[in-house]
Amino acid sequence: MSHVKAGGTAKNLHDSPGQRLGIKLYGGQKTRTGNVIVRQVGLTKRAGKGTKLSRNFTIHADTEGAVKYTTRRVRLFTGKSVKRVEVTVEPITEATKPAVKKASAKAKAVK
């Protein structure tokens, strides 16, 4: 017969994988309709113009364009005003596209 008492059972053995939360597209990056911009738990960032908020608080792009993050003041239920980050998608137009330099005639002749 053994003289060692029973050690009991361990209860905290299971581990769940991470939820992969966070910012998926940063400011200035291009996005297409339906792309995930932010995965979050709760409403830490607000959905602005050109975005939509899904049931699990994920912010998706509603239009094509460039992602932009701005801070704005939001009034809470208590009446207190606090700063929150707002995610918007601005459409890319000809005026906002970066200028592409064209090769000069001399550079073409050298090649």
PDB file of N, CA and C in Angstrom:
ATOM      1  N   MET A   1       0.828  -1.186   0.000  1.00  0.00           N
ATOM      2  CA  MET A   1       0.000   0.000   0.000  1.00  0.00           C
ATOM      3  C   MET A   1       0.868   1.243   0.000  1.00  0.00           C
ATOM      4  N   SER A   2       0.428   2.208  -0.760  1.00  0.00           N
ATOM      5  CA  SER A   2       1.160   3.458  -0.848  1.00  0.00           C
ATOM      6  C   SER A   2       0.826   4.346   0.344  1.00  0.00           C
ATOM      7  N   HIS A   3       1.781   5.164   0.740  1.00  0.00           N
ATOM      8  CA  HIS A   3       1.560   6.056   1.878  1.00  0.00           C
ATOM      9  C   HIS A   3       1.400   7.519   1.451  1.00  0.00           C
ATOM     10  N   VAL A   4       1.262   7.805   0.124  1.00  0.00           N
ATOM     11  CA  VAL A   4       1.108   9.175  -0.378  1.00  0.00           C
ATOM     12  C   VAL A   4      -0.373   9.465  -0.545  1.00  0.00           C
ATOM     13  N   LYS A   5      -0.827  10.600   0.018  1.00  0.00           N
ATOM     14  CA  LYS A   5      -2.235  10.947  -0.092  1.00  0.00           C
ATOM     15  C   LYS A   5      -2.554  11.420  -1.510  1.00  0.00           C
ATOM     16  N   ALA A   6      -3.822  11.442  -1.836  1.00  0.00           N
ATOM     17  CA  ALA A   6      -4.259  11.878  -3.164  1.00  0.00           C
ATOM     18  C   ALA A   6      -3.959  13.367  -3.348  1.00  0.00           C
ATOM     19  N   GLY A   7      -3.442  13.740  -4.525  1.00  0.00           N
ATOM     20  CA  GLY A   7      -3.045  15.123  -4.786  1.00  0.00           C
ATOM     21  C   GLY A   7      -4.178  16.023  -5.219  1.00  0.00           C
ATOM     22  N   GLY A   8      -5.336  15.442  -5.478  1.00  0.00           N
ATOM     23  CA  GLY A   8      -6.454  16.249  -5.944  1.00  0.00           C
ATOM     24  C   GLY A   8      -6.414  16.398  -7.460  1.00  0.00           C
ATOM     25  N   THR A   9      -7.277  17.237  -8.001  1.00  0.00           N
ATOM     26  CA  THR A   9      -7.331  17.438  -9.451  1.00  0.00           C
ATOM     27  C   THR A   9      -7.035  18.891  -9.773  1.00  0.00           C
ATOM     28  N   ALA A  10      -6.420  19.096 -10.939  1.00  0.00           N
ATOM     29  CA  ALA A  10      -6.138  20.461 -11.395  1.00  0.00           C
ATOM     30  C   ALA A  10      -7.351  20.974 -12.156  1.00  0.00           C
ATOM     31  N   LYS A  11      -7.731  22.233 -11.919  1.00  0.00           N
ATOM     32  CA  LYS A  11      -8.938  22.774 -12.538  1.00  0.00           C
ATOM     33  C   LYS A  11      -8.644  23.740 -13.686  1.00  0.00           C
ATOM     34  N   ASN A  12      -7.481  24.359 -13.682  1.00  0.00           N
ATOM     35  CA  ASN A  12      -7.219  25.421 -14.656  1.00  0.00           C
ATOM     36  C   ASN A  12      -6.238  24.951 -15.728  1.00  0.00           C
ATOM     37  N   LEU A  13      -6.605  23.906 -16.448  1.00  0.00           N
ATOM     38  CA  LEU A  13      -5.695  23.332 -17.443  1.00  0.00           C
ATOM     39  C   LEU A  13      -6.001  23.779 -18.866  1.00  0.00           C
ATOM     40  N   HIS A  14      -7.200  24.250 -19.138  1.00  0.00           N
ATOM     41  CA  HIS A  14      -7.592  24.580 -20.503  1.00  0.00           C
ATOM     42  C   HIS A  14      -7.159  26.001 -20.853  1.00  0.00           C
ATOM     43  N   ASP A  15      -6.799  26.191 -22.116  1.00  0.00           N
ATOM     44  CA  ASP A  15      -6.382  27.504 -22.588  1.00  0.00           C
ATOM     45  C   ASP A  15      -7.078  27.784 -23.912  1.00  0.00           C
ATOM     46  N   SER A  16      -7.613  28.976 -24.068  1.00  0.00           N
ATOM     47  CA  SER A  16      -8.301  29.318 -25.312  1.00  0.00           C
ATOM     48  C   SER A  16      -7.389  30.197 -26.169  1.00  0.00           C
ATOM     49  N   PRO A  17      -7.524  30.099 -27.490  1.00  0.00           N
ATOM     50  CA  PRO A  17      -6.687  30.922 -28.368  1.00  0.00           C
ATOM     51  C   PRO A  17      -7.073  32.398 -28.279  1.00  0.00           C
ATOM     52  N   GLY A  18      -6.146  33.287 -28.653  1.00  0.00           N
ATOM     53  CA  GLY A  18      -6.411  34.718 -28.632  1.00  0.00           C
ATOM     54  C   GLY A  18      -7.458  35.102 -29.654  1.00  0.00           C
ATOM     55  N   GLN A  19      -8.105  36.241 -29.456  1.00  0.00           N
ATOM     56  CA  GLN A  19      -9.204  36.660 -30.323  1.00  0.00           C
ATOM     57  C   GLN A  19      -8.746  37.509 -31.504  1.00  0.00           C
ATOM     58  N   ARG A  20      -7.470  37.814 -31.586  1.00  0.00           N
ATOM     59  CA  ARG A  20      -6.908  38.605 -32.705  1.00  0.00           C
ATOM     60  C   ARG A  20      -7.604  39.951 -32.841  1.00  0.00           C
ATOM     61  N   LEU A  21      -7.718  40.665 -31.727  1.00  0.00           N
ATOM     62  CA  LEU A  21      -8.350  41.976 -31.718  1.00  0.00           C
ATOM     63  C   LEU A  21      -7.332  43.048 -32.097  1.00  0.00           C
ATOM     64  N   GLY A  22      -7.812  44.223 -32.440  1.00  0.00           N
ATOM     65  CA  GLY A  22      -6.925  45.353 -32.685  1.00  0.00           C
ATOM     66  C   GLY A  22      -7.179  46.024 -34.013  1.00  0.00           C
ATOM     67  N   ILE A  23      -6.279  46.922 -34.365  1.00  0.00           N
ATOM     68  CA  ILE A  23      -6.388  47.692 -35.600  1.00  0.00           C
ATOM     69  C   ILE A  23      -5.818  46.864 -36.735  1.00  0.00           C
ATOM     70  N   LYS A  24      -6.607  46.682 -37.788  1.00  0.00           N
ATOM     71  CA  LYS A  24      -6.179  45.900 -38.948  1.00  0.00           C
ATOM     72  C   LYS A  24      -5.680  46.798 -40.081  1.00  0.00           C
ATOM     73  N   LEU A  25      -6.226  47.994 -40.200  1.00  0.00           N
ATOM     74  CA  LEU A  25      -5.779  48.962 -41.206  1.00  0.00           C
ATOM     75  C   LEU A  25      -5.497  50.285 -40.503  1.00  0.00           C
ATOM     76  N   TYR A  26      -4.310  50.834 -40.734  1.00  0.00           N
ATOM     77  CA  TYR A  26      -3.900  52.067 -40.068  1.00  0.00           C
ATOM     78  C   TYR A  26      -4.246  53.282 -40.928  1.00  0.00           C
ATOM     79  N   GLY A  27      -4.103  54.466 -40.369  1.00  0.00           N
ATOM     80  CA  GLY A  27      -4.438  55.703 -41.054  1.00  0.00           C
ATOM     81  C   GLY A  27      -3.642  55.881 -42.336  1.00  0.00           C
ATOM     82  N   GLY A  28      -4.336  56.249 -43.404  1.00  0.00           N
ATOM     83  CA  GLY A  28      -3.696  56.461 -44.692  1.00  0.00           C
ATOM     84  C   GLY A  28      -3.698  55.238 -45.584  1.00  0.00           C
ATOM     85  N   GLN A  29      -3.962  54.057 -45.028  1.00  0.00           N
ATOM     86  CA  GLN A  29      -3.980  52.857 -45.851  1.00  0.00           C
ATOM     87  C   GLN A  29      -5.266  52.792 -46.665  1.00  0.00           C
ATOM     88  N   LYS A  30      -5.176  52.228 -47.870  1.00  0.00           N
ATOM     89  CA  LYS A  30      -6.341  52.106 -48.739  1.00  0.00           C
ATOM     90  C   LYS A  30      -7.168  50.908 -48.314  1.00  0.00           C
ATOM     91  N   THR A  31      -8.473  51.025 -48.489  1.00  0.00           N
ATOM     92  CA  THR A  31      -9.378  49.946 -48.142  1.00  0.00           C
ATOM     93  C   THR A  31     -10.457  49.800 -49.209  1.00  0.00           C
ATOM     94  N   ARG A  32     -11.032  48.614 -49.265  1.00  0.00           N
ATOM     95  CA  ARG A  32     -12.140  48.368 -50.180  1.00  0.00           C
ATOM     96  C   ARG A  32     -13.388  48.088 -49.352  1.00  0.00           C
ATOM     97  N   THR A  33     -14.529  48.096 -50.003  1.00  0.00           N
ATOM     98  CA  THR A  33     -15.796  47.888 -49.308  1.00  0.00           C
ATOM     99  C   THR A  33     -15.809  46.528 -48.624  1.00  0.00           C
ATOM    100  N   GLY A  34     -16.170  46.513 -47.345  1.00  0.00           N
ATOM    101  CA  GLY A  34     -16.280  45.270 -46.600  1.00  0.00           C
ATOM    102  C   GLY A  34     -15.047  44.877 -45.817  1.00  0.00           C
ATOM    103  N   ASN A  35     -13.905  45.533 -46.049  1.00  0.00           N
ATOM    104  CA  ASN A  35     -12.684  45.195 -45.309  1.00  0.00           C
ATOM    105  C   ASN A  35     -12.840  45.520 -43.830  1.00  0.00           C
ATOM    106  N   VAL A  36     -12.238  44.679 -42.981  1.00  0.00           N
ATOM    107  CA  VAL A  36     -12.249  44.926 -41.538  1.00  0.00           C
ATOM    108  C   VAL A  36     -11.183  45.970 -41.227  1.00  0.00           C
ATOM    109  N   ILE A  37     -11.562  47.028 -40.531  1.00  0.00           N
ATOM    110  CA  ILE A  37     -10.624  48.077 -40.152  1.00  0.00           C
ATOM    111  C   ILE A  37     -10.176  47.883 -38.704  1.00  0.00           C
ATOM    112  N   VAL A  38     -11.132  47.648 -37.801  1.00  0.00           N
ATOM    113  CA  VAL A  38     -10.826  47.471 -36.375  1.00  0.00           C
ATOM    114  C   VAL A  38     -11.654  46.315 -35.831  1.00  0.00           C
ATOM    115  N   ARG A  39     -11.004  45.402 -35.083  1.00  0.00           N
ATOM    116  CA  ARG A  39     -11.710  44.363 -34.317  1.00  0.00           C
ATOM    117  C   ARG A  39     -11.599  44.754 -32.855  1.00  0.00           C
ATOM    118  N   GLN A  40     -12.740  44.885 -32.166  1.00  0.00           N
ATOM    119  CA  GLN A  40     -12.714  45.379 -30.792  1.00  0.00           C
ATOM    120  C   GLN A  40     -13.811  44.718 -29.968  1.00  0.00           C
ATOM    121  N   VAL A  41     -13.618  44.736 -28.655  1.00  0.00           N
ATOM    122  CA  VAL A  41     -14.644  44.291 -27.718  1.00  0.00           C
ATOM    123  C   VAL A  41     -15.207  45.554 -27.089  1.00  0.00           C
ATOM    124  N   GLY A  42     -16.473  45.810 -27.300  1.00  0.00           N
ATOM    125  CA  GLY A  42     -17.072  47.051 -26.828  1.00  0.00           C
ATOM    126  C   GLY A  42     -16.810  48.168 -27.819  1.00  0.00           C
ATOM    127  N   LEU A  43     -17.265  49.340 -27.491  1.00  0.00           N
ATOM    128  CA  LEU A  43     -17.196  50.474 -28.417  1.00  0.00           C
ATOM    129  C   LEU A  43     -16.035  51.389 -28.051  1.00  0.00           C
ATOM    130  N   THR A  44     -14.790  50.897 -28.164  1.00  0.00           N
ATOM    131  CA  THR A  44     -13.637  51.728 -27.838  1.00  0.00           C
ATOM    132  C   THR A  44     -13.381  52.763 -28.919  1.00  0.00           C
ATOM    133  N   LYS A  45     -13.638  52.418 -30.180  1.00  0.00           N
ATOM    134  CA  LYS A  45     -13.520  53.348 -31.301  1.00  0.00           C
ATOM    135  C   LYS A  45     -14.882  53.464 -31.970  1.00  0.00           C
ATOM    136  N   ARG A  46     -15.206  54.663 -32.444  1.00  0.00           N
ATOM    137  CA  ARG A  46     -16.515  54.912 -33.032  1.00  0.00           C
ATOM    138  C   ARG A  46     -16.444  54.802 -34.548  1.00  0.00           C
ATOM    139  N   ALA A  47     -17.519  54.312 -35.159  1.00  0.00           N
ATOM    140  CA  ALA A  47     -17.613  54.231 -36.619  1.00  0.00           C
ATOM    141  C   ALA A  47     -18.115  55.566 -37.145  1.00  0.00           C
ATOM    142  N   GLY A  48     -17.373  56.136 -38.085  1.00  0.00           N
ATOM    143  CA  GLY A  48     -17.746  57.423 -38.652  1.00  0.00           C
ATOM    144  C   GLY A  48     -18.246  57.286 -40.076  1.00  0.00           C
ATOM    145  N   LYS A  49     -18.048  58.326 -40.859  1.00  0.00           N
ATOM    146  CA  LYS A  49     -18.520  58.369 -42.233  1.00  0.00           C
ATOM    147  C   LYS A  49     -17.749  57.352 -43.084  1.00  0.00           C
ATOM    148  N   GLY A  50     -18.469  56.595 -43.891  1.00  0.00           N
ATOM    149  CA  GLY A  50     -17.838  55.622 -44.778  1.00  0.00           C
ATOM    150  C   GLY A  50     -17.543  54.291 -44.113  1.00  0.00           C
ATOM    151  N   THR A  51     -18.016  54.103 -42.860  1.00  0.00           N
ATOM    152  CA  THR A  51     -17.800  52.844 -42.149  1.00  0.00           C
ATOM    153  C   THR A  51     -19.118  52.354 -41.573  1.00  0.00           C
ATOM    154  N   LYS A  52     -19.134  51.082 -41.189  1.00  0.00           N
ATOM    155  CA  LYS A  52     -20.311  50.541 -40.514  1.00  0.00           C
ATOM    156  C   LYS A  52     -19.858  49.688 -39.342  1.00  0.00           C
ATOM    157  N   LEU A  53     -20.717  49.607 -38.329  1.00  0.00           N
ATOM    158  CA  LEU A  53     -20.419  48.884 -37.099  1.00  0.00           C
ATOM    159  C   LEU A  53     -21.251  47.606 -37.085  1.00  0.00           C
ATOM    160  N   SER A  54     -20.593  46.451 -36.946  1.00  0.00           N
ATOM    161  CA  SER A  54     -21.331  45.193 -36.920  1.00  0.00           C
ATOM    162  C   SER A  54     -21.755  44.857 -35.500  1.00  0.00           C
ATOM    163  N   ARG A  55     -22.453  43.751 -35.332  1.00  0.00           N
ATOM    164  CA  ARG A  55     -23.025  43.400 -34.026  1.00  0.00           C
ATOM    165  C   ARG A  55     -21.965  43.118 -32.971  1.00  0.00           C
ATOM    166  N   ASN A  56     -20.785  42.640 -33.385  1.00  0.00           N
ATOM    167  CA  ASN A  56     -19.726  42.372 -32.406  1.00  0.00           C
ATOM    168  C   ASN A  56     -18.749  43.551 -32.309  1.00  0.00           C
ATOM    169  N   PHE A  57     -19.195  44.740 -32.705  1.00  0.00           N
ATOM    170  CA  PHE A  57     -18.446  46.003 -32.615  1.00  0.00           C
ATOM    171  C   PHE A  57     -17.250  46.081 -33.568  1.00  0.00           C
ATOM    172  N   THR A  58     -17.187  45.211 -34.575  1.00  0.00           N
ATOM    173  CA  THR A  58     -16.141  45.300 -35.590  1.00  0.00           C
ATOM    174  C   THR A  58     -16.495  46.442 -36.544  1.00  0.00           C
ATOM    175  N   ILE A  59     -15.509  47.260 -36.888  1.00  0.00           N
ATOM    176  CA  ILE A  59     -15.732  48.368 -37.815  1.00  0.00           C
ATOM    177  C   ILE A  59     -15.274  47.938 -39.213  1.00  0.00           C
ATOM    178  N   HIS A  60     -16.200  47.994 -40.179  1.00  0.00           N
ATOM    179  CA  HIS A  60     -15.937  47.616 -41.563  1.00  0.00           C
ATOM    180  C   HIS A  60     -15.981  48.854 -42.452  1.00  0.00           C
ATOM    181  N   ALA A  61     -15.300  48.767 -43.596  1.00  0.00           N
ATOM    182  CA  ALA A  61     -15.369  49.849 -44.580  1.00  0.00           C
ATOM    183  C   ALA A  61     -16.674  49.718 -45.356  1.00  0.00           C
ATOM    184  N   ASP A  62     -17.386  50.819 -45.505  1.00  0.00           N
ATOM    185  CA  ASP A  62     -18.641  50.830 -46.262  1.00  0.00           C
ATOM    186  C   ASP A  62     -18.417  51.346 -47.679  1.00  0.00           C
ATOM    187  N   THR A  63     -17.299  52.045 -47.883  1.00  0.00           N
ATOM    188  CA  THR A  63     -16.945  52.559 -49.204  1.00  0.00           C
ATOM    189  C   THR A  63     -15.452  52.342 -49.431  1.00  0.00           C
ATOM    190  N   GLU A  64     -15.020  52.515 -50.668  1.00  0.00           N
ATOM    191  CA  GLU A  64     -13.589  52.446 -50.969  1.00  0.00           C
ATOM    192  C   GLU A  64     -12.955  53.784 -50.649  1.00  0.00           C
ATOM    193  N   GLY A  65     -11.696  53.739 -50.206  1.00  0.00           N
ATOM    194  CA  GLY A  65     -11.005  54.981 -49.899  1.00  0.00           C
ATOM    195  C   GLY A  65      -9.840  54.759 -48.970  1.00  0.00           C
ATOM    196  N   ALA A  66      -9.446  55.819 -48.271  1.00  0.00           N
ATOM    197  CA  ALA A  66      -8.324  55.782 -47.337  1.00  0.00           C
ATOM    198  C   ALA A  66      -8.856  55.899 -45.912  1.00  0.00           C
ATOM    199  N   VAL A  67      -8.276  55.114 -45.001  1.00  0.00           N
ATOM    200  CA  VAL A  67      -8.692  55.107 -43.600  1.00  0.00           C
ATOM    201  C   VAL A  67      -8.124  56.339 -42.897  1.00  0.00           C
ATOM    202  N   LYS A  68      -8.939  56.944 -42.031  1.00  0.00           N
ATOM    203  CA  LYS A  68      -8.492  58.111 -41.279  1.00  0.00           C
ATOM    204  C   LYS A  68      -9.000  57.995 -39.842  1.00  0.00           C
ATOM    205  N   TYR A  69      -8.117  58.288 -38.876  1.00  0.00           N
ATOM    206  CA  TYR A  69      -8.468  58.267 -37.463  1.00  0.00           C
ATOM    207  C   TYR A  69      -8.440  59.692 -36.935  1.00  0.00           C
ATOM    208  N   THR A  70      -9.525  60.108 -36.290  1.00  0.00           N
ATOM    209  CA  THR A  70      -9.603  61.432 -35.680  1.00  0.00           C
ATOM    210  C   THR A  70     -10.174  61.290 -34.276  1.00  0.00           C
ATOM    211  N   THR A  71      -9.910  62.286 -33.435  1.00  0.00           N
ATOM    212  CA  THR A  71     -10.515  62.289 -32.098  1.00  0.00           C
ATOM    213  C   THR A  71     -11.655  63.286 -32.082  1.00  0.00           C
ATOM    214  N   ARG A  72     -12.713  62.920 -31.392  1.00  0.00           N
ATOM    215  CA  ARG A  72     -13.851  63.826 -31.255  1.00  0.00           C
ATOM    216  C   ARG A  72     -14.421  63.672 -29.855  1.00  0.00           C
ATOM    217  N   ARG A  73     -15.176  64.669 -29.437  1.00  0.00           N
ATOM    218  CA  ARG A  73     -15.785  64.640 -28.109  1.00  0.00           C
ATOM    219  C   ARG A  73     -17.158  63.976 -28.206  1.00  0.00           C
ATOM    220  N   VAL A  74     -17.410  63.076 -27.248  1.00  0.00           N
ATOM    221  CA  VAL A  74     -18.682  62.361 -27.195  1.00  0.00           C
ATOM    222  C   VAL A  74     -19.295  62.599 -25.821  1.00  0.00           C
ATOM    223  N   ARG A  75     -20.582  62.877 -25.794  1.00  0.00           N
ATOM    224  CA  ARG A  75     -21.273  63.105 -24.526  1.00  0.00           C
ATOM    225  C   ARG A  75     -21.803  61.773 -24.005  1.00  0.00           C
ATOM    226  N   LEU A  76     -21.440  61.447 -22.763  1.00  0.00           N
ATOM    227  CA  LEU A  76     -21.901  60.221 -22.124  1.00  0.00           C
ATOM    228  C   LEU A  76     -23.309  60.407 -21.568  1.00  0.00           C
ATOM    229  N   PHE A  77     -23.902  59.316 -21.098  1.00  0.00           N
ATOM    230  CA  PHE A  77     -25.251  59.365 -20.532  1.00  0.00           C
ATOM    231  C   PHE A  77     -25.304  60.255 -19.292  1.00  0.00           C
ATOM    232  N   THR A  78     -24.194  60.321 -18.567  1.00  0.00           N
ATOM    233  CA  THR A  78     -24.147  61.136 -17.351  1.00  0.00           C
ATOM    234  C   THR A  78     -24.019  62.628 -17.653  1.00  0.00           C
ATOM    235  N   GLY A  79     -23.763  62.953 -18.924  1.00  0.00           N
ATOM    236  CA  GLY A  79     -23.583  64.347 -19.296  1.00  0.00           C
ATOM    237  C   GLY A  79     -22.123  64.734 -19.438  1.00  0.00           C
ATOM    238  N   LYS A  80     -21.238  63.854 -19.026  1.00  0.00           N
ATOM    239  CA  LYS A  80     -19.807  64.123 -19.123  1.00  0.00           C
ATOM    240  C   LYS A  80     -19.362  64.031 -20.587  1.00  0.00           C
ATOM    241  N   SER A  81     -18.455  64.907 -20.981  1.00  0.00           N
ATOM    242  CA  SER A  81     -17.926  64.918 -22.341  1.00  0.00           C
ATOM    243  C   SER A  81     -16.515  64.321 -22.335  1.00  0.00           C
ATOM    244  N   VAL A  82     -16.293  63.281 -23.156  1.00  0.00           N
ATOM    245  CA  VAL A  82     -15.002  62.591 -23.195  1.00  0.00           C
ATOM    246  C   VAL A  82     -14.520  62.472 -24.640  1.00  0.00           C
ATOM    247  N   LYS A  83     -13.203  62.321 -24.801  1.00  0.00           N
ATOM    248  CA  LYS A  83     -12.631  62.159 -26.133  1.00  0.00           C
ATOM    249  C   LYS A  83     -12.702  60.697 -26.551  1.00  0.00           C
ATOM    250  N   ARG A  84     -13.065  60.459 -27.798  1.00  0.00           N
ATOM    251  CA  ARG A  84     -13.097  59.120 -28.370  1.00  0.00           C
ATOM    252  C   ARG A  84     -12.515  59.166 -29.778  1.00  0.00           C
ATOM    253  N   VAL A  85     -11.970  58.045 -30.226  1.00  0.00           N
ATOM    254  CA  VAL A  85     -11.389  57.956 -31.564  1.00  0.00           C
ATOM    255  C   VAL A  85     -12.490  57.575 -32.544  1.00  0.00           C
ATOM    256  N   GLU A  86     -12.552  58.286 -33.664  1.00  0.00           N
ATOM    257  CA  GLU A  86     -13.531  58.013 -34.703  1.00  0.00           C
ATOM    258  C   GLU A  86     -12.799  57.524 -35.947  1.00  0.00           C
ATOM    259  N   VAL A  87     -13.296  56.445 -36.532  1.00  0.00           N
ATOM    260  CA  VAL A  87     -12.699  55.857 -37.729  1.00  0.00           C
ATOM    261  C   VAL A  87     -13.571  56.245 -38.916  1.00  0.00           C
ATOM    262  N   THR A  88     -12.960  56.853 -39.935  1.00  0.00           N
ATOM    263  CA  THR A  88     -13.681  57.216 -41.148  1.00  0.00           C
ATOM    264  C   THR A  88     -12.928  56.700 -42.359  1.00  0.00           C
ATOM    265  N   VAL A  89     -13.655  56.552 -43.464  1.00  0.00           N
ATOM    266  CA  VAL A  89     -13.042  56.200 -44.748  1.00  0.00           C
ATOM    267  C   VAL A  89     -13.351  57.338 -45.704  1.00  0.00           C
ATOM    268  N   GLU A  90     -12.289  58.003 -46.177  1.00  0.00           N
ATOM    269  CA  GLU A  90     -12.458  59.119 -47.101  1.00  0.00           C
ATOM    270  C   GLU A  90     -12.227  58.624 -48.519  1.00  0.00           C
ATOM    271  N   PRO A  91     -13.131  58.929 -49.436  1.00  0.00           N
ATOM    272  CA  PRO A  91     -12.949  58.474 -50.816  1.00  0.00           C
ATOM    273  C   PRO A  91     -11.714  59.115 -51.443  1.00  0.00           C
ATOM    274  N   ILE A  92     -11.009  58.339 -52.244  1.00  0.00           N
ATOM    275  CA  ILE A  92      -9.807  58.845 -52.917  1.00  0.00           C
ATOM    276  C   ILE A  92     -10.240  59.476 -54.231  1.00  0.00           C
ATOM    277  N   THR A  93      -9.936  60.774 -54.382  1.00  0.00           N
ATOM    278  CA  THR A  93     -10.254  61.490 -55.615  1.00  0.00           C
ATOM    279  C   THR A  93      -8.949  61.873 -56.301  1.00  0.00           C
ATOM    280  N   GLU A  94      -9.047  62.461 -57.443  1.00  0.00           N
ATOM    281  CA  GLU A  94      -7.854  62.887 -58.194  1.00  0.00           C
ATOM    282  C   GLU A  94      -7.042  63.912 -57.414  1.00  0.00           C
ATOM    283  N   ALA A  95      -7.721  64.752 -56.638  1.00  0.00           N
ATOM    284  CA  ALA A  95      -7.034  65.800 -55.884  1.00  0.00           C
ATOM    285  C   ALA A  95      -6.251  65.214 -54.703  1.00  0.00           C
ATOM    286  N   THR A  96      -6.737  64.114 -54.127  1.00  0.00           N
ATOM    287  CA  THR A  96      -6.072  63.560 -52.950  1.00  0.00           C
ATOM    288  C   THR A  96      -5.047  62.487 -53.285  1.00  0.00           C
ATOM    289  N   LYS A  97      -5.018  62.025 -54.544  1.00  0.00           N
ATOM    290  CA  LYS A  97      -4.027  61.012 -54.924  1.00  0.00           C
ATOM    291  C   LYS A  97      -2.633  61.633 -54.914  1.00  0.00           C
ATOM    292  N   PRO A  98      -1.617  60.879 -54.478  1.00  0.00           N
ATOM    293  CA  PRO A  98      -0.261  61.420 -54.521  1.00  0.00           C
ATOM    294  C   PRO A  98       0.216  61.553 -55.964  1.00  0.00           C
ATOM    295  N   ALA A  99       0.944  62.628 -56.231  1.00  0.00           N
ATOM    296  CA  ALA A  99       1.434  62.878 -57.583  1.00  0.00           C
ATOM    297  C   ALA A  99       2.535  61.884 -57.932  1.00  0.00           C
ATOM    298  N   VAL A 100       2.452  61.326 -59.138  1.00  0.00           N
ATOM    299  CA  VAL A 100       3.459  60.371 -59.609  1.00  0.00           C
ATOM    300  C   VAL A 100       4.360  61.116 -60.576  1.00  0.00           C
ATOM    301  N   LYS A 101       5.675  61.059 -60.302  1.00  0.00           N
ATOM    302  CA  LYS A 101       6.617  61.740 -61.182  1.00  0.00           C
ATOM    303  C   LYS A 101       6.783  60.955 -62.469  1.00  0.00           C
ATOM    304  N   LYS A 102       6.747  61.682 -63.578  1.00  0.00           N
ATOM    305  CA  LYS A 102       6.959  61.054 -64.888  1.00  0.00           C
ATOM    306  C   LYS A 102       8.428  61.163 -65.241  1.00  0.00           C
ATOM    307  N   ALA A 103       8.930  60.134 -65.886  1.00  0.00           N
ATOM    308  CA  ALA A 103      10.338  60.139 -66.289  1.00  0.00           C
ATOM    309  C   ALA A 103      10.537  61.178 -67.395  1.00  0.00           C
ATOM    310  N   SER A 104      11.640  61.898 -67.312  1.00  0.00           N
ATOM    311  CA  SER A 104      11.910  62.934 -68.298  1.00  0.00           C
ATOM    312  C   SER A 104      12.379  62.294 -69.615  1.00  0.00           C
ATOM    313  N   ALA A 105      12.384  63.082 -70.668  1.00  0.00           N
ATOM    314  CA  ALA A 105      12.811  62.590 -71.978  1.00  0.00           C
ATOM    315  C   ALA A 105      14.284  62.179 -71.958  1.00  0.00           C
ATOM    316  N   LYS A 106      15.108  62.892 -71.166  1.00  0.00           N
ATOM    317  CA  LYS A 106      16.531  62.557 -71.064  1.00  0.00           C
ATOM    318  C   LYS A 106      16.719  61.172 -70.439  1.00  0.00           C
ATOM    319  N   ALA A 107      15.956  60.875 -69.393  1.00  0.00           N
ATOM    320  CA  ALA A 107      16.090  59.593 -68.717  1.00  0.00           C
ATOM    321  C   ALA A 107      15.667  58.448 -69.635  1.00  0.00           C
ATOM    322  N   LYS A 108      14.667  58.697 -70.486  1.00  0.00           N
ATOM    323  CA  LYS A 108      14.235  57.677 -71.433  1.00  0.00           C
ATOM    324  C   LYS A 108      15.291  57.458 -72.494  1.00  0.00           C
ATOM    325  N   ALA A 109      15.958  58.527 -72.946  1.00  0.00           N
ATOM    326  CA  ALA A 109      16.979  58.425 -73.985  1.00  0.00           C
ATOM    327  C   ALA A 109      18.206  57.671 -73.474  1.00  0.00           C
ATOM    328  N   VAL A 110      18.529  57.808 -72.189  1.00  0.00           N
ATOM    329  CA  VAL A 110      19.689  57.159 -71.617  1.00  0.00           C
ATOM    330  C   VAL A 110      19.490  55.646 -71.577  1.00  0.00           C
ATOM    331  N   LYS A 111      18.267  55.226 -71.306  1.00  0.00           N
ATOM    332  CA  LYS A 111      17.986  53.800 -71.237  1.00  0.00           C
ATOM    333  C   LYS A 111      18.121  53.224 -72.601  1.00  0.00           C
TER     334      LYS A 111
END
